[in-house]
Amino acid sequence: MHPKHYKRMANKRWSTVEEKLFELGPSNLTDAEVISLIIAPDSWNLSVEKTVADLLSEFKGYKGLANEPIDKISKMKGMGNRKAIRLAAAMEFAKRWVGTAINMLKNDSELRLEVFGA
C-alpha cells in the first residue's frame, strides 16, 4: 500500500481506518475517519478524505450535516445517493440513541447521579 494511505498515531501505523478502530476503539478516530467508514467503508484514500473534509466544511460539522436533506448531501462531489443514504441512516441512528439516552436520564435518578454526580 502506498505510504500516503497509512494513518499515523504515536509511532503506530495502520493500513486502514478499520484496523485503527479495531485496535484503539471508535473514540480514537477523527471525525473524518468516522464519516469515511460510513460513506466508503472499503476505502480510505485521498478522494474520500477530501469528500469528508468538504462535507464537514460545507455543512459546518456534524450538527449541520445532520440537518441537511439527503438530496442536498447526495449532490456534493464524491457522494451520490448511496453514500448520502448511508450517512442519513447513521445520523438517524445517532438521533435515536441520543433520544433513548435522554429518556433514560429523565426517568432514572440513580443514573443521573452516576452520570452528572449531582
N, C-alpha and C. Protein backbone atom coordinates (compact mmCIF):
# COMPACT_ATOMS: atom_id res chain seq x y z
N MET A 1 0.84 -1.18 0.00
CA MET A 1 0.00 0.00 0.00
C MET A 1 0.89 1.24 0.00
N HIS A 2 0.48 2.25 -0.72
CA HIS A 2 1.24 3.49 -0.82
C HIS A 2 1.31 4.16 0.55
N PRO A 3 2.46 4.70 0.95
CA PRO A 3 2.63 5.28 2.28
C PRO A 3 1.62 6.38 2.62
N LYS A 4 1.13 7.13 1.64
CA LYS A 4 0.19 8.21 1.96
C LYS A 4 -1.15 7.67 2.46
N HIS A 5 -1.42 6.40 2.24
CA HIS A 5 -2.67 5.81 2.70
C HIS A 5 -2.60 5.33 4.15
N TYR A 6 -1.44 5.38 4.73
CA TYR A 6 -1.29 4.98 6.13
C TYR A 6 -1.68 6.14 7.02
N LYS A 7 -2.35 5.83 8.09
CA LYS A 7 -2.68 6.83 9.10
C LYS A 7 -1.70 6.62 10.25
N ARG A 8 -1.29 7.70 10.85
CA ARG A 8 -0.26 7.60 11.88
C ARG A 8 -0.77 8.18 13.20
N MET A 9 -0.52 7.47 14.28
CA MET A 9 -0.81 7.96 15.63
C MET A 9 0.30 7.45 16.53
N ALA A 10 0.91 8.33 17.29
CA ALA A 10 2.10 8.00 18.07
C ALA A 10 3.12 7.41 17.11
N ASN A 11 3.64 6.23 17.40
CA ASN A 11 4.60 5.60 16.50
C ASN A 11 4.00 4.39 15.79
N LYS A 12 2.69 4.32 15.77
CA LYS A 12 1.99 3.17 15.18
C LYS A 12 1.40 3.57 13.84
N ARG A 13 1.50 2.68 12.88
CA ARG A 13 0.88 2.90 11.57
C ARG A 13 -0.24 1.90 11.37
N TRP A 14 -1.33 2.38 10.80
CA TRP A 14 -2.45 1.50 10.47
C TRP A 14 -2.62 1.52 8.97
N SER A 15 -2.83 0.37 8.40
CA SER A 15 -3.03 0.33 6.96
C SER A 15 -4.45 0.73 6.58
N THR A 16 -5.39 0.61 7.53
CA THR A 16 -6.77 1.00 7.26
C THR A 16 -7.36 1.68 8.50
N VAL A 17 -8.39 2.46 8.27
CA VAL A 17 -9.12 3.07 9.37
C VAL A 17 -9.78 1.98 10.21
N GLU A 18 -10.23 0.91 9.55
CA GLU A 18 -10.84 -0.21 10.28
C GLU A 18 -9.86 -0.81 11.29
N GLU A 19 -8.61 -0.96 10.88
CA GLU A 19 -7.59 -1.52 11.77
C GLU A 19 -7.37 -0.59 12.96
N LYS A 20 -7.32 0.70 12.70
CA LYS A 20 -7.15 1.68 13.78
C LYS A 20 -8.31 1.59 14.76
N LEU A 21 -9.54 1.53 14.24
CA LEU A 21 -10.72 1.42 15.10
C LEU A 21 -10.66 0.14 15.93
N PHE A 22 -10.31 -0.95 15.30
CA PHE A 22 -10.25 -2.23 16.00
C PHE A 22 -9.24 -2.20 17.13
N GLU A 23 -8.08 -1.60 16.88
CA GLU A 23 -7.02 -1.58 17.89
C GLU A 23 -7.23 -0.55 18.98
N LEU A 24 -7.76 0.64 18.61
CA LEU A 24 -7.86 1.73 19.58
C LEU A 24 -9.28 2.05 20.02
N GLY A 25 -10.26 1.56 19.29
CA GLY A 25 -11.65 1.87 19.60
C GLY A 25 -12.14 3.08 18.81
N PRO A 26 -13.45 3.17 18.64
CA PRO A 26 -14.01 4.21 17.79
C PRO A 26 -13.81 5.63 18.32
N SER A 27 -13.67 5.80 19.62
CA SER A 27 -13.50 7.16 20.16
C SER A 27 -12.14 7.77 19.77
N ASN A 28 -11.23 6.96 19.28
CA ASN A 28 -9.92 7.45 18.87
C ASN A 28 -9.83 7.81 17.40
N LEU A 29 -10.94 7.72 16.69
CA LEU A 29 -10.96 8.13 15.29
C LEU A 29 -11.29 9.61 15.17
N THR A 30 -10.78 10.23 14.13
CA THR A 30 -11.15 11.62 13.85
C THR A 30 -12.57 11.64 13.29
N ASP A 31 -13.17 12.83 13.26
CA ASP A 31 -14.50 12.96 12.65
C ASP A 31 -14.48 12.47 11.21
N ALA A 32 -13.44 12.84 10.49
CA ALA A 32 -13.33 12.43 9.09
C ALA A 32 -13.24 10.91 8.95
N GLU A 33 -12.51 10.26 9.82
CA GLU A 33 -12.39 8.80 9.77
C GLU A 33 -13.72 8.12 10.06
N VAL A 34 -14.47 8.65 11.03
CA VAL A 34 -15.77 8.07 11.36
C VAL A 34 -16.70 8.18 10.15
N ILE A 35 -16.78 9.36 9.58
CA ILE A 35 -17.67 9.55 8.42
C ILE A 35 -17.20 8.71 7.24
N SER A 36 -15.91 8.60 7.05
CA SER A 36 -15.41 7.81 5.92
C SER A 36 -15.82 6.35 6.02
N LEU A 37 -15.87 5.83 7.25
CA LEU A 37 -16.29 4.43 7.43
C LEU A 37 -17.77 4.26 7.08
N ILE A 38 -18.54 5.29 7.25
CA ILE A 38 -19.97 5.23 6.92
C ILE A 38 -20.18 5.33 5.42
N ILE A 39 -19.53 6.31 4.78
CA ILE A 39 -19.82 6.53 3.36
C ILE A 39 -19.00 5.68 2.41
N ALA A 40 -17.82 5.28 2.80
CA ALA A 40 -16.96 4.48 1.91
C ALA A 40 -16.18 3.48 2.75
N PRO A 41 -16.88 2.47 3.30
CA PRO A 41 -16.23 1.57 4.25
C PRO A 41 -15.05 0.77 3.71
N ASP A 42 -14.95 0.64 2.42
CA ASP A 42 -13.89 -0.20 1.87
C ASP A 42 -12.68 0.58 1.37
N SER A 43 -12.71 1.91 1.52
CA SER A 43 -11.56 2.65 1.01
C SER A 43 -11.34 3.94 1.77
N TRP A 44 -10.13 4.11 2.25
CA TRP A 44 -9.71 5.40 2.81
C TRP A 44 -8.61 5.86 1.90
N ASN A 45 -8.91 6.85 1.12
CA ASN A 45 -7.91 7.38 0.21
C ASN A 45 -8.09 8.89 0.14
N LEU A 46 -7.29 9.52 -0.68
CA LEU A 46 -7.32 10.97 -0.73
C LEU A 46 -8.66 11.51 -1.22
N SER A 47 -9.35 10.81 -2.13
CA SER A 47 -10.63 11.32 -2.60
C SER A 47 -11.69 11.21 -1.51
N VAL A 48 -11.68 10.14 -0.74
CA VAL A 48 -12.63 10.00 0.37
C VAL A 48 -12.31 11.06 1.44
N GLU A 49 -11.05 11.21 1.73
CA GLU A 49 -10.62 12.20 2.72
C GLU A 49 -11.09 13.60 2.31
N LYS A 50 -10.94 13.94 1.04
CA LYS A 50 -11.37 15.26 0.53
C LYS A 50 -12.89 15.39 0.59
N THR A 51 -13.61 14.35 0.19
CA THR A 51 -15.07 14.38 0.23
C THR A 51 -15.56 14.66 1.65
N VAL A 52 -15.00 13.96 2.61
CA VAL A 52 -15.41 14.12 4.00
C VAL A 52 -15.06 15.52 4.50
N ALA A 53 -13.88 15.99 4.18
CA ALA A 53 -13.48 17.35 4.59
C ALA A 53 -14.43 18.38 3.99
N ASP A 54 -14.80 18.19 2.73
CA ASP A 54 -15.73 19.10 2.07
C ASP A 54 -17.11 19.07 2.74
N LEU A 55 -17.58 17.87 3.09
CA LEU A 55 -18.88 17.74 3.77
C LEU A 55 -18.87 18.49 5.10
N LEU A 56 -17.86 18.24 5.91
CA LEU A 56 -17.80 18.88 7.22
C LEU A 56 -17.66 20.39 7.11
N SER A 57 -16.93 20.84 6.12
CA SER A 57 -16.77 22.28 5.89
C SER A 57 -18.06 22.91 5.38
N GLU A 58 -18.64 22.32 4.35
CA GLU A 58 -19.85 22.87 3.72
C GLU A 58 -21.02 22.96 4.71
N PHE A 59 -21.18 21.94 5.54
CA PHE A 59 -22.34 21.90 6.43
C PHE A 59 -21.99 22.25 7.88
N LYS A 60 -20.78 22.75 8.11
CA LYS A 60 -20.36 23.24 9.43
C LYS A 60 -20.37 22.15 10.50
N GLY A 61 -19.86 20.98 10.16
CA GLY A 61 -19.72 19.91 11.14
C GLY A 61 -20.91 18.98 11.20
N TYR A 62 -20.90 18.14 12.24
CA TYR A 62 -21.93 17.12 12.40
C TYR A 62 -23.34 17.70 12.49
N LYS A 63 -23.49 18.74 13.30
CA LYS A 63 -24.83 19.29 13.52
C LYS A 63 -25.45 19.77 12.21
N GLY A 64 -24.69 20.50 11.44
CA GLY A 64 -25.20 20.98 10.16
C GLY A 64 -25.47 19.84 9.20
N LEU A 65 -24.58 18.88 9.19
CA LEU A 65 -24.73 17.73 8.30
C LEU A 65 -25.99 16.93 8.65
N ALA A 66 -26.25 16.78 9.94
CA ALA A 66 -27.42 16.02 10.39
C ALA A 66 -28.74 16.68 10.01
N ASN A 67 -28.70 17.98 9.77
CA ASN A 67 -29.93 18.71 9.47
C ASN A 67 -30.15 18.98 7.99
N GLU A 68 -29.27 18.48 7.15
CA GLU A 68 -29.41 18.70 5.71
C GLU A 68 -30.23 17.58 5.06
N PRO A 69 -31.01 17.91 4.05
CA PRO A 69 -31.75 16.86 3.34
C PRO A 69 -30.80 15.96 2.53
N ILE A 70 -31.19 14.71 2.40
CA ILE A 70 -30.36 13.73 1.69
C ILE A 70 -30.03 14.19 0.28
N ASP A 71 -30.99 14.76 -0.42
CA ASP A 71 -30.74 15.15 -1.80
C ASP A 71 -29.65 16.22 -1.92
N LYS A 72 -29.56 17.10 -0.94
CA LYS A 72 -28.51 18.12 -0.97
C LYS A 72 -27.14 17.48 -0.70
N ILE A 73 -27.09 16.57 0.25
CA ILE A 73 -25.83 15.88 0.57
C ILE A 73 -25.39 15.03 -0.62
N SER A 74 -26.35 14.37 -1.27
CA SER A 74 -26.01 13.48 -2.39
C SER A 74 -25.41 14.23 -3.58
N LYS A 75 -25.66 15.53 -3.66
CA LYS A 75 -25.14 16.33 -4.78
C LYS A 75 -23.73 16.82 -4.56
N MET A 76 -23.20 16.62 -3.37
CA MET A 76 -21.81 17.02 -3.11
C MET A 76 -20.87 16.12 -3.91
N LYS A 77 -19.80 16.71 -4.41
CA LYS A 77 -18.83 15.94 -5.18
C LYS A 77 -18.29 14.77 -4.35
N GLY A 78 -18.33 13.57 -4.94
CA GLY A 78 -17.83 12.38 -4.26
C GLY A 78 -18.88 11.63 -3.47
N MET A 79 -20.10 12.14 -3.42
CA MET A 79 -21.13 11.48 -2.61
C MET A 79 -22.04 10.60 -3.46
N GLY A 80 -23.16 11.11 -3.92
CA GLY A 80 -24.14 10.30 -4.62
C GLY A 80 -25.18 9.76 -3.65
N ASN A 81 -26.21 9.13 -4.20
CA ASN A 81 -27.34 8.68 -3.39
C ASN A 81 -26.96 7.63 -2.35
N ARG A 82 -26.20 6.63 -2.74
CA ARG A 82 -25.88 5.53 -1.83
C ARG A 82 -25.13 6.02 -0.59
N LYS A 83 -24.12 6.83 -0.79
CA LYS A 83 -23.34 7.34 0.34
C LYS A 83 -24.18 8.28 1.21
N ALA A 84 -24.99 9.12 0.56
CA ALA A 84 -25.85 10.04 1.31
C ALA A 84 -26.87 9.26 2.15
N ILE A 85 -27.40 8.19 1.61
CA ILE A 85 -28.36 7.35 2.34
C ILE A 85 -27.68 6.70 3.54
N ARG A 86 -26.46 6.18 3.36
CA ARG A 86 -25.73 5.58 4.49
C ARG A 86 -25.51 6.60 5.59
N LEU A 87 -25.11 7.80 5.18
CA LEU A 87 -24.85 8.85 6.15
C LEU A 87 -26.14 9.27 6.87
N ALA A 88 -27.22 9.40 6.13
CA ALA A 88 -28.51 9.77 6.74
C ALA A 88 -28.96 8.69 7.73
N ALA A 89 -28.76 7.43 7.39
CA ALA A 89 -29.14 6.34 8.30
C ALA A 89 -28.29 6.39 9.57
N ALA A 90 -27.01 6.65 9.44
CA ALA A 90 -26.14 6.74 10.61
C ALA A 90 -26.55 7.92 11.50
N MET A 91 -26.88 9.04 10.88
CA MET A 91 -27.32 10.20 11.65
C MET A 91 -28.64 9.91 12.37
N GLU A 92 -29.55 9.21 11.71
CA GLU A 92 -30.81 8.85 12.34
C GLU A 92 -30.58 7.90 13.51
N PHE A 93 -29.68 6.95 13.33
CA PHE A 93 -29.32 6.04 14.42
C PHE A 93 -28.83 6.84 15.63
N ALA A 94 -27.94 7.81 15.36
CA ALA A 94 -27.39 8.63 16.44
C ALA A 94 -28.49 9.42 17.14
N LYS A 95 -29.40 10.02 16.38
CA LYS A 95 -30.51 10.78 16.97
C LYS A 95 -31.37 9.87 17.86
N ARG A 96 -31.67 8.68 17.38
CA ARG A 96 -32.50 7.76 18.16
C ARG A 96 -31.78 7.34 19.44
N TRP A 97 -30.49 7.08 19.34
CA TRP A 97 -29.74 6.68 20.52
C TRP A 97 -29.70 7.81 21.54
N VAL A 98 -29.48 9.03 21.08
CA VAL A 98 -29.46 10.18 21.99
C VAL A 98 -30.84 10.33 22.65
N GLY A 99 -31.90 10.17 21.88
CA GLY A 99 -33.24 10.23 22.45
C GLY A 99 -33.45 9.18 23.53
N THR A 100 -32.97 7.98 23.28
CA THR A 100 -33.07 6.91 24.27
C THR A 100 -32.28 7.26 25.53
N ALA A 101 -31.08 7.76 25.35
CA ALA A 101 -30.24 8.13 26.49
C ALA A 101 -30.88 9.25 27.30
N ILE A 102 -31.45 10.24 26.63
CA ILE A 102 -32.12 11.34 27.34
C ILE A 102 -33.30 10.82 28.15
N ASN A 103 -34.09 9.94 27.55
CA ASN A 103 -35.23 9.36 28.28
C ASN A 103 -34.76 8.55 29.49
N MET A 104 -33.68 7.81 29.32
CA MET A 104 -33.15 7.04 30.44
C MET A 104 -32.74 7.97 31.58
N LEU A 105 -32.08 9.07 31.24
CA LEU A 105 -31.65 10.03 32.25
C LEU A 105 -32.84 10.71 32.93
N LYS A 106 -33.87 11.03 32.14
CA LYS A 106 -35.06 11.66 32.71
C LYS A 106 -35.74 10.76 33.73
N ASN A 107 -35.74 9.47 33.47
CA ASN A 107 -36.51 8.53 34.27
C ASN A 107 -35.73 7.79 35.34
N ASP A 108 -34.44 8.03 35.45
CA ASP A 108 -33.62 7.25 36.38
C ASP A 108 -32.71 8.18 37.19
N SER A 109 -33.13 8.49 38.41
CA SER A 109 -32.37 9.43 39.24
C SER A 109 -30.99 8.86 39.62
N GLU A 110 -30.90 7.55 39.79
CA GLU A 110 -29.59 6.95 40.10
C GLU A 110 -28.63 7.10 38.93
N LEU A 111 -29.14 6.94 37.71
CA LEU A 111 -28.30 7.12 36.53
C LEU A 111 -27.87 8.57 36.40
N ARG A 112 -28.77 9.52 36.66
CA ARG A 112 -28.39 10.94 36.61
C ARG A 112 -27.28 11.23 37.60
N LEU A 113 -27.38 10.66 38.80
CA LEU A 113 -26.35 10.86 39.81
C LEU A 113 -25.02 10.28 39.35
N GLU A 114 -25.07 9.10 38.74
CA GLU A 114 -23.86 8.44 38.26
C GLU A 114 -23.21 9.25 37.13
N VAL A 115 -24.03 9.75 36.21
CA VAL A 115 -23.52 10.48 35.05
C VAL A 115 -23.08 11.89 35.41
N PHE A 116 -23.90 12.60 36.17
CA PHE A 116 -23.64 14.01 36.44
C PHE A 116 -23.04 14.27 37.81
N GLY A 117 -23.11 13.28 38.69
CA GLY A 117 -22.53 13.43 40.01
C GLY A 117 -23.26 14.43 40.90
N ALA A 118 -24.48 14.75 40.55
CA ALA A 118 -25.25 15.70 41.38
C ALA A 118 -26.70 15.31 41.43
